[in-house]
Amino acid sequence: MKFIKINAGVLGCLLAVALSGCDKNSSSPAVEDAKKSAESATTAAQQGVDKAVTEAKQAGEKVVAETKEAGQKAVATATEQVKAAGGDATAVIAKVQSLVAEKKYQEALTSLGSLKDVKLSDTQQKVVDGLKEQITKLMSSGAGLLGK
């Protein structure tokens, strides 16, 4: 009995398929609507991706510009600081030279000590080293005693 019911069911399905027709050229309105929906969804998704890419690119360009500007400001500030430090060092060296000329060796050494944390150019460093050596020699020879 089960066998007859199964065969009848299979035969009914085959008959329904045969009667509905399998024409490849005709398509139902539901299929056309599905195709249109899929195409519009694809277009909308592509537009969304394009917009996101454009926004990301603009944000990246903005960050690059801001970073470049900050870097330029930092370089300018550092350059000003180096120039100021160089100017200060030059003034201190001139002061030390005048103190040596006045035979105030201890004051000259104290002034040179203020340059220990300053970044000096090679030329300035040579001048400072020469002054230290000169002052030390003059002090050890007793010449400093006359200037006090």
Protein backbone atom coordinates (compact mmCIF):
# COMPACT_ATOMS: atom_id res chain seq x y z
CA MET A 1 0.00 0.00 0.00
CA LYS A 2 2.84 2.38 0.85
CA PHE A 3 4.42 1.60 -2.50
CA ILE A 4 1.29 2.64 -4.39
CA LYS A 5 1.05 5.93 -2.46
CA ILE A 6 4.69 6.74 -3.15
CA ASN A 7 4.34 5.96 -6.85
CA ALA A 8 1.17 8.04 -7.05
CA GLY A 9 2.95 10.96 -5.36
CA VAL A 10 5.95 10.77 -7.70
CA LEU A 11 3.66 10.48 -10.72
CA GLY A 12 1.67 13.52 -9.53
CA CYS A 13 4.81 15.62 -9.21
CA LEU A 14 6.02 14.60 -12.66
CA LEU A 15 2.64 15.43 -14.14
CA ALA A 16 2.64 18.89 -12.46
CA VAL A 17 6.10 19.66 -13.82
CA ALA A 18 5.13 18.51 -17.30
CA LEU A 19 1.97 20.59 -17.34
CA SER A 20 3.63 23.75 -16.02
CA GLY A 21 5.87 23.79 -19.06
CA CYS A 22 9.60 24.23 -19.13
CA ASP A 23 10.05 26.87 -21.74
CA LYS A 24 13.56 28.33 -21.38
CA ASN A 25 12.70 31.53 -23.26
CA SER A 26 9.91 32.63 -20.98
CA SER A 27 10.61 33.93 -17.55
CA SER A 28 8.18 34.74 -14.85
CA PRO A 29 7.71 38.27 -13.49
CA ALA A 30 9.06 37.09 -10.13
CA VAL A 31 12.36 36.10 -11.73
CA GLU A 32 12.61 39.44 -13.53
CA ASP A 33 11.88 41.29 -10.29
CA ALA A 34 14.53 39.25 -8.51
CA LYS A 35 17.09 40.09 -11.22
CA LYS A 36 16.23 43.81 -11.02
CA SER A 37 16.44 43.75 -7.22
CA ALA A 38 19.81 42.02 -7.36
CA GLU A 39 21.14 44.53 -9.91
CA SER A 40 19.92 47.52 -7.88
CA ALA A 41 21.39 46.04 -4.69
CA THR A 42 24.71 45.51 -6.46
CA THR A 43 24.67 49.09 -7.77
CA ALA A 44 23.83 50.47 -4.33
CA ALA A 45 26.57 48.39 -2.72
CA GLN A 46 29.11 49.58 -5.30
CA GLN A 47 28.11 53.20 -4.72
CA GLY A 48 28.49 52.69 -0.96
CA VAL A 49 31.95 51.20 -1.42
CA ASP A 50 32.97 54.05 -3.74
CA LYS A 51 31.77 56.62 -1.21
CA ALA A 52 33.62 54.88 1.64
CA VAL A 53 36.82 54.74 -0.41
CA THR A 54 36.54 58.44 -1.28
CA GLU A 55 35.95 59.42 2.36
CA ALA A 56 38.86 57.27 3.54
CA LYS A 57 41.13 58.79 0.92
CA GLN A 58 40.15 62.32 1.95
CA ALA A 59 40.68 61.51 5.62
CA GLY A 60 44.10 60.05 4.83
CA GLU A 61 45.10 63.12 2.83
CA LYS A 62 43.99 65.35 5.71
CA VAL A 63 46.08 63.37 8.21
CA VAL A 64 49.12 63.53 5.92
CA ALA A 65 48.74 67.30 5.52
CA GLU A 66 48.36 67.82 9.29
CA THR A 67 51.36 65.61 10.03
CA LYS A 68 53.47 67.42 7.46
CA GLU A 69 52.50 70.80 8.93
CA ALA A 70 53.30 69.64 12.47
CA GLY A 71 56.67 68.34 11.29
CA GLN A 72 57.50 71.64 9.63
CA LYS A 73 56.58 73.53 12.81
CA ALA A 74 58.77 71.20 14.89
CA VAL A 75 61.72 71.72 12.57
CA ALA A 76 61.25 75.50 12.69
CA THR A 77 61.08 75.47 16.49
CA ALA A 78 64.16 73.28 16.77
CA THR A 79 66.06 75.51 14.37
CA GLU A 80 65.16 78.59 16.41
CA GLN A 81 66.27 76.87 19.61
CA VAL A 82 69.59 75.83 18.09
CA LYS A 83 70.19 79.36 16.83
CA ALA A 84 69.32 80.81 20.23
CA ALA A 85 71.60 78.35 22.01
CA GLY A 86 74.41 79.12 19.57
CA GLY A 87 73.93 82.84 20.17
CA ASP A 88 73.95 82.34 23.93
CA ALA A 89 77.12 80.27 23.70
CA THR A 90 78.79 82.92 21.59
CA ALA A 91 77.89 85.57 24.15
CA VAL A 92 79.23 83.45 27.01
CA ILE A 93 82.48 82.81 25.12
CA ALA A 94 82.90 86.55 24.51
CA LYS A 95 82.27 87.23 28.20
CA VAL A 96 84.85 84.60 29.21
CA GLN A 97 87.43 86.12 26.87
CA SER A 98 86.87 89.55 28.39
CA LEU A 99 87.17 88.09 31.93
CA VAL A 100 90.48 86.45 30.96
CA ALA A 101 91.69 89.79 29.60
CA GLU A 102 90.75 91.34 32.95
CA LYS A 103 92.56 88.46 34.69
CA LYS A 104 89.40 87.28 36.44
CA TYR A 105 90.14 83.61 35.87
CA GLN A 106 87.84 82.08 38.47
CA GLU A 107 84.84 84.00 37.12
CA ALA A 108 85.84 82.97 33.61
CA LEU A 109 85.90 79.28 34.61
CA THR A 110 82.51 79.62 36.29
CA SER A 111 81.07 81.18 33.13
CA LEU A 112 82.52 78.37 31.01
CA GLY A 113 80.84 75.89 33.34
CA SER A 114 77.48 77.26 32.27
CA LEU A 115 78.14 75.86 28.78
CA LYS A 116 78.44 72.24 29.89
CA ASP A 117 74.80 71.40 28.95
CA VAL A 118 74.73 73.50 25.77
CA LYS A 119 75.20 71.87 22.36
CA LEU A 120 78.18 73.66 20.84
CA SER A 121 79.40 73.69 17.26
CA ASP A 122 82.81 72.17 16.60
CA THR A 123 84.35 75.63 16.35
CA GLN A 124 82.75 76.79 19.60
CA GLN A 125 83.89 73.62 21.37
CA LYS A 126 87.48 74.19 20.24
CA VAL A 127 87.37 77.78 21.51
CA VAL A 128 85.93 76.69 24.88
CA ASP A 129 88.56 73.95 25.26
CA GLY A 130 91.30 76.44 24.39
CA LEU A 131 90.00 78.94 26.92
CA LYS A 132 89.81 76.30 29.66
CA GLU A 133 93.38 75.24 28.96
CA GLN A 134 94.59 78.86 28.91
CA ILE A 135 92.78 79.74 32.15
CA THR A 136 94.09 76.61 33.90
CA LYS A 137 97.69 77.43 32.89
CA LEU A 138 97.35 81.04 33.99
CA MET A 139 95.84 80.04 37.33
CA SER A 140 98.51 77.43 38.03
CA SER A 141 101.29 79.91 37.25
CA GLY A 142 99.90 82.30 39.86
CA ALA A 143 98.81 84.97 37.40
CA GLY A 144 95.29 84.75 38.73
CA LEU A 145 96.35 86.01 42.12
CA LEU A 146 97.18 89.41 40.68
CA GLY A 147 93.71 89.89 39.21
CA LYS A 148 91.90 89.52 42.56
